[in-house]
Amino acid sequence: LLGALLVVAFNASGIWRAAMQVQIMSWIRQAVLGYCIGFLCAHALPRCCGTPPSSCCFCIFSWDVLSMPQWCLEAEWEQAKEQLIYAITGGKRNCLTRKLYDGPRSLPSILQTVVAKLQEGSQGGFKCS
């Protein structure tokens, strides 16, 4: 996820610079730099930290992106939603865990669940069920 976020950030920076300086090469340079740094984060960083390497099958930093880019983007999106649910549930330790993991994993559904729980809390306290 960190690698994908870096690619997005570098691309946004490149687009901004290209728009301000009217130079397309600025965006291309930032896109390539972002992809390379993201690739390193996805593959080298886990090894340097002593953790197992990430399973990067169908991620945007695998060879699969050349033959099936749509699948890779969908896999990255699913991974991002999974990370979001994990963060919201505090590492699967709060009362939203079961509802979020057992329910649909669309972004609107995740947001509706969280908003409903926040509204419940503002109306008299949280009730875990």
Foldseek 3Di string as FASTA:
>chain_A
DVLVVLLVVLLVVQVVVCVVVVNNVSNVVSNVVSNVVSLCCQAVVCVVVVHDHDPQVLACNDPVCVVCVPSNVVVVVVVVLVVVLCVVCVNCPDLCNCVQVVDDSDPVVVVVSVVVQVVVPVVPHGDRD
